[in-house]
C-alpha atoms as a PDB file:
ATOM      1  CA  MET A   1       5.376  27.256 -29.741  1.00  0.00           C
ATOM      2  CA  PRO A   2       1.828  29.517 -28.482  1.00  0.00           C
ATOM      3  CA  LEU A   3       3.138  32.760 -26.162  1.00  0.00           C
ATOM      4  CA  ASP A   4       2.342  32.016 -22.885  1.00  0.00           C
ATOM      5  CA  ARG A   5       0.265  34.980 -21.411  1.00  0.00           C
ATOM      6  CA  ARG A   6       1.871  35.557 -18.153  1.00  0.00           C
ATOM      7  CA  ASP A   7       5.139  36.163 -20.480  1.00  0.00           C
ATOM      8  CA  VAL A   8       3.720  38.526 -22.639  1.00  0.00           C
ATOM      9  CA  MET A   9       2.410  40.436 -19.732  1.00  0.00           C
ATOM     10  CA  ALA A  10       5.589  40.337 -18.025  1.00  0.00           C
ATOM     11  CA  LEU A  11       7.217  41.381 -20.926  1.00  0.00           C
ATOM     12  CA  LEU A  12       5.164  44.425 -21.763  1.00  0.00           C
ATOM     13  CA  ALA A  13       5.534  45.878 -17.884  1.00  0.00           C
ATOM     14  CA  GLN A  14       8.826  45.561 -18.137  1.00  0.00           C
ATOM     15  CA  LEU A  15       8.405  47.610 -21.338  1.00  0.00           C
ATOM     16  CA  ALA A  16       6.584  50.340 -20.278  1.00  0.00           C
ATOM     17  CA  ASP A  17       8.518  50.558 -16.774  1.00  0.00           C
ATOM     18  CA  GLU A  18      11.674  50.751 -18.561  1.00  0.00           C
ATOM     19  CA  ASP A  19       9.545  53.718 -20.930  1.00  0.00           C
ATOM     20  CA  ASN A  20       8.483  55.433 -17.593  1.00  0.00           C
ATOM     21  CA  MET A  21       5.131  55.029 -18.525  1.00  0.00           C
ATOM     22  CA  ARG A  22       2.488  55.907 -16.604  1.00  0.00           C
ATOM     23  CA  VAL A  23      -1.444  56.130 -16.428  1.00  0.00           C
ATOM     24  CA  THR A  24      -4.461  58.666 -14.883  1.00  0.00           C
ATOM     25  CA  VAL A  25      -8.213  58.058 -15.275  1.00  0.00           C
ATOM     26  CA  ARG A  26      -9.266  60.901 -17.718  1.00  0.00           C
ATOM     27  CA  GLY A  27      -7.806  63.171 -14.493  1.00  0.00           C
ATOM     28  CA  SER A  28      -5.606  65.387 -16.972  1.00  0.00           C
ATOM     29  CA  ALA A  29      -8.652  67.044 -18.566  1.00  0.00           C
ATOM     30  CA  TRP A  30     -10.532  68.212 -15.530  1.00  0.00           C
ATOM     31  CA  GLY A  31      -7.074  70.138 -14.567  1.00  0.00           C
ATOM     32  CA  GLY A  32      -6.923  71.674 -17.840  1.00  0.00           C
ATOM     33  CA  VAL A  33     -10.768  72.926 -17.049  1.00  0.00           C
ATOM     34  CA  VAL A  34     -10.202  73.894 -13.716  1.00  0.00           C
ATOM     35  CA  THR A  35      -7.002  75.761 -14.190  1.00  0.00           C
ATOM     36  CA  GLY A  36      -8.965  77.729 -17.408  1.00  0.00           C
ATOM     37  CA  LEU A  37     -11.738  78.593 -15.696  1.00  0.00           C
ATOM     38  CA  SER A  38      -9.472  79.839 -12.904  1.00  0.00           C
ATOM     39  CA  ALA A  39      -7.856  81.867 -15.200  1.00  0.00           C
ATOM     40  CA  PHE A  40     -10.487  83.077 -17.257  1.00  0.00           C
ATOM     41  CA  LEU A  41     -12.211  84.160 -13.571  1.00  0.00           C
ATOM     42  CA  GLY A  42      -9.692  86.316 -12.548  1.00  0.00           C
ATOM     43  CA  GLY A  43      -9.164  87.721 -15.650  1.00  0.00           C
ATOM     44  CA  VAL A  44     -12.751  88.660 -15.676  1.00  0.00           C
ATOM     45  CA  ALA A  45     -12.243  90.055 -12.196  1.00  0.00           C
ATOM     46  CA  LEU A  46      -9.017  91.829 -12.050  1.00  0.00           C
ATOM     47  CA  GLY A  47      -7.780  92.067 -15.951  1.00  0.00           C
ATOM     48  CA  PRO A  48      -4.440  90.814 -16.766  1.00  0.00           C
ATOM     49  CA  PRO A  49      -3.171  90.322 -12.997  1.00  0.00           C
ATOM     50  CA  GLY A  50      -5.921  88.273 -12.578  1.00  0.00           C
ATOM     51  CA  LEU A  51      -5.269  86.060 -15.209  1.00  0.00           C
ATOM     52  CA  LEU A  52      -1.944  85.320 -13.471  1.00  0.00           C
ATOM     53  CA  LEU A  53      -3.249  85.002 -10.126  1.00  0.00           C
ATOM     54  CA  GLY A  54      -5.898  83.095 -11.820  1.00  0.00           C
ATOM     55  CA  GLY A  55      -4.107  80.652 -13.967  1.00  0.00           C
ATOM     56  CA  THR A  56      -1.260  80.253 -10.822  1.00  0.00           C
ATOM     57  CA  LEU A  57      -4.410  79.060  -8.034  1.00  0.00           C
ATOM     58  CA  GLY A  58      -6.233  76.950 -10.753  1.00  0.00           C
ATOM     59  CA  GLY A  59      -3.074  75.074 -11.601  1.00  0.00           C
ATOM     60  CA  GLY A  60      -2.025  74.911  -8.022  1.00  0.00           C
ATOM     61  CA  ALA A  61      -5.725  73.489  -7.791  1.00  0.00           C
ATOM     62  CA  SER A  62      -5.256  70.772 -10.333  1.00  0.00           C
ATOM     63  CA  TYR A  63      -2.396  69.725  -9.081  1.00  0.00           C
ATOM     64  CA  ALA A  64      -3.522  69.117  -5.783  1.00  0.00           C
ATOM     65  CA  MET A  65      -6.506  67.283  -7.084  1.00  0.00           C
ATOM     66  CA  SER A  66      -4.191  65.231  -9.088  1.00  0.00           C
ATOM     67  CA  GLN A  67      -2.011  64.048  -6.793  1.00  0.00           C
ATOM     68  CA  GLY A  68      -1.874  60.244  -6.441  1.00  0.00           C
ATOM     69  CA  LYS A  69      -4.031  59.540  -9.625  1.00  0.00           C
ATOM     70  CA  PHE A  70      -0.992  58.307 -11.616  1.00  0.00           C
ATOM     71  CA  GLN A  71       0.760  55.586 -11.923  1.00  0.00           C
ATOM     72  CA  SER A  72       2.378  53.029 -13.204  1.00  0.00           C
ATOM     73  CA  ALA A  73       1.429  51.463 -16.846  1.00  0.00           C
ATOM     74  CA  ALA A  74       3.141  48.526 -15.300  1.00  0.00           C
ATOM     75  CA  ALA A  75       1.382  48.075 -12.017  1.00  0.00           C
ATOM     76  CA  VAL A  76      -1.903  48.783 -14.428  1.00  0.00           C
ATOM     77  CA  ILE A  77      -0.658  46.045 -16.949  1.00  0.00           C
ATOM     78  CA  GLN A  78       0.150  43.421 -13.422  1.00  0.00           C
ATOM     79  CA  SER A  79      -3.477  44.143 -12.002  1.00  0.00           C
ATOM     80  CA  MET A  80      -5.908  43.939 -14.792  1.00  0.00           C
ATOM     81  CA  PRO A  81      -8.390  41.493 -14.597  1.00  0.00           C
ATOM     82  CA  PRO A  82      -7.394  37.939 -16.552  1.00  0.00           C
ATOM     83  CA  GLN A  83     -10.211  38.973 -19.262  1.00  0.00           C
ATOM     84  CA  GLN A  84      -8.363  42.108 -20.102  1.00  0.00           C
ATOM     85  CA  GLN A  85      -5.093  41.128 -20.088  1.00  0.00           C
ATOM     86  CA  GLU A  86      -5.991  38.507 -22.873  1.00  0.00           C
ATOM     87  CA  GLN A  87      -7.440  41.128 -24.806  1.00  0.00           C
ATOM     88  CA  LEU A  88      -3.881  42.875 -24.703  1.00  0.00           C
ATOM     89  CA  ALA A  89      -1.771  39.766 -24.959  1.00  0.00           C
ATOM     90  CA  SER A  90      -3.890  38.687 -28.189  1.00  0.00           C
ATOM     91  CA  SER A  91      -3.442  42.131 -29.748  1.00  0.00           C
ATOM     92  CA  VAL A  92       0.270  41.984 -29.379  1.00  0.00           C
ATOM     93  CA  THR A  93       1.024  38.502 -29.680  1.00  0.00           C
ATOM     94  CA  HIS A  94      -0.960  39.526 -33.400  1.00  0.00           C
ATOM     95  CA  LEU A  95       1.984  41.763 -33.461  1.00  0.00           C
ATOM     96  CA  VAL A  96       4.999  39.757 -32.718  1.00  0.00           C
ATOM     97  CA  ARG A  97       3.907  37.077 -35.084  1.00  0.00           C
ATOM     98  CA  ARG A  98       4.409  39.009 -37.405  1.00  0.00           C
ATOM     99  CA  ILE A  99       7.954  40.030 -36.905  1.00  0.00           C
ATOM    100  CA  ARG A 100       8.444  36.008 -36.251  1.00  0.00           C
ATOM    101  CA  ALA A 101       9.312  35.802 -33.020  1.00  0.00           C
ATOM    102  CA  ASP A 102       7.547  32.242 -31.240  1.00  0.00           C
ATOM    103  CA  ASP A 103       8.508  33.359 -27.539  1.00  0.00           C
ATOM    104  CA  ALA A 104       8.665  36.111 -25.725  1.00  0.00           C
ATOM    105  CA  VAL A 105      11.781  35.173 -25.017  1.00  0.00           C
ATOM    106  CA  MET A 106      12.983  35.523 -28.643  1.00  0.00           C
ATOM    107  CA  ALA A 107      10.906  38.705 -28.624  1.00  0.00           C
ATOM    108  CA  ALA A 108      12.711  40.152 -25.531  1.00  0.00           C
ATOM    109  CA  ALA A 109      16.163  39.548 -26.968  1.00  0.00           C
ATOM    110  CA  MET A 110      15.052  41.138 -30.169  1.00  0.00           C
ATOM    111  CA  LEU A 111      14.304  44.083 -28.125  1.00  0.00           C
ATOM    112  CA  ALA A 112      17.603  44.104 -25.920  1.00  0.00           C
ATOM    113  CA  ALA A 113      19.667  43.918 -28.803  1.00  0.00           C
ATOM    114  CA  GLY A 114      18.432  47.140 -29.654  1.00  0.00           C
ATOM    115  CA  MET A 115      15.348  46.887 -31.896  1.00  0.00           C
ATOM    116  CA  THR A 116      13.641  49.991 -31.523  1.00  0.00           C
ATOM    117  CA  ASP A 117      11.268  50.076 -33.838  1.00  0.00           C
ATOM    118  CA  VAL A 118       9.492  46.479 -32.329  1.00  0.00           C
ATOM    119  CA  ARG A 119       9.922  48.259 -28.940  1.00  0.00           C
ATOM    120  CA  ALA A 120       8.029  51.268 -29.960  1.00  0.00           C
ATOM    121  CA  LEU A 121       5.372  48.730 -31.799  1.00  0.00           C
ATOM    122  CA  LEU A 122       4.729  47.374 -28.720  1.00  0.00           C
ATOM    123  CA  LEU A 123       4.411  50.278 -26.515  1.00  0.00           C
ATOM    124  CA  THR A 124       2.199  52.126 -28.839  1.00  0.00           C
ATOM    125  CA  GLN A 125      -0.363  48.972 -28.631  1.00  0.00           C
ATOM    126  CA  VAL A 126      -0.144  48.846 -24.822  1.00  0.00           C
ATOM    127  CA  ALA A 127      -0.840  52.884 -25.165  1.00  0.00           C
ATOM    128  CA  GLN A 128      -3.923  52.585 -27.180  1.00  0.00           C
ATOM    129  CA  PHE A 129      -4.964  49.436 -25.492  1.00  0.00           C
ATOM    130  CA  LEU A 130      -4.744  51.666 -22.167  1.00  0.00           C
ATOM    131  CA  THR A 131      -6.621  54.196 -23.807  1.00  0.00           C
ATOM    132  CA  SER A 132      -9.258  52.835 -25.762  1.00  0.00           C
ATOM    133  CA  GLU A 133     -10.480  50.152 -23.642  1.00  0.00           C
ATOM    134  CA  MET A 134      -9.765  51.218 -20.134  1.00  0.00           C
ATOM    135  CA  ALA A 135     -10.056  54.933 -20.802  1.00  0.00           C
ATOM    136  CA  MET A 136      -7.112  55.940 -19.383  1.00  0.00           C
ATOM    137  CA  GLN A 137      -4.321  58.584 -20.822  1.00  0.00           C
ATOM    138  CA  VAL A 138      -0.683  57.803 -21.394  1.00  0.00           C
ATOM    139  CA  MET A 139       2.277  59.351 -20.398  1.00  0.00           C
ATOM    140  CA  SER A 140       5.580  58.375 -21.417  1.00  0.00           C
ATOM    141  CA  GLY A 141       9.054  59.636 -20.499  1.00  0.00           C
END
């Protein structure tokens, strides 16, 4: 029996939610640049105390800039356009078929039974897809 895309997406969203997987659209790199530049400028202007002050102010500015830019991977998975859902489902289906699960219910049962290696494999596939195909940064835990 072929895997249904909606079932696969629901399973992946559940796994991402349980793993507390969060994503952002490349905002973290910009925050690091702001923090580093602030620390550098503070250090040039005031020496070692300026490093502390610039780093602190830059870190605070980066924090303020990133507010609301992180969202759960589960929400991203559920709101993907059908074409991207199909791509993700196809890549995950290939993995699931290698472990001989014939439907998403079987895969969910395997995950519930403690097959952490399968769970990690699926979450890795989701993270790679979100990073490479959707240009997002992924954080887990």
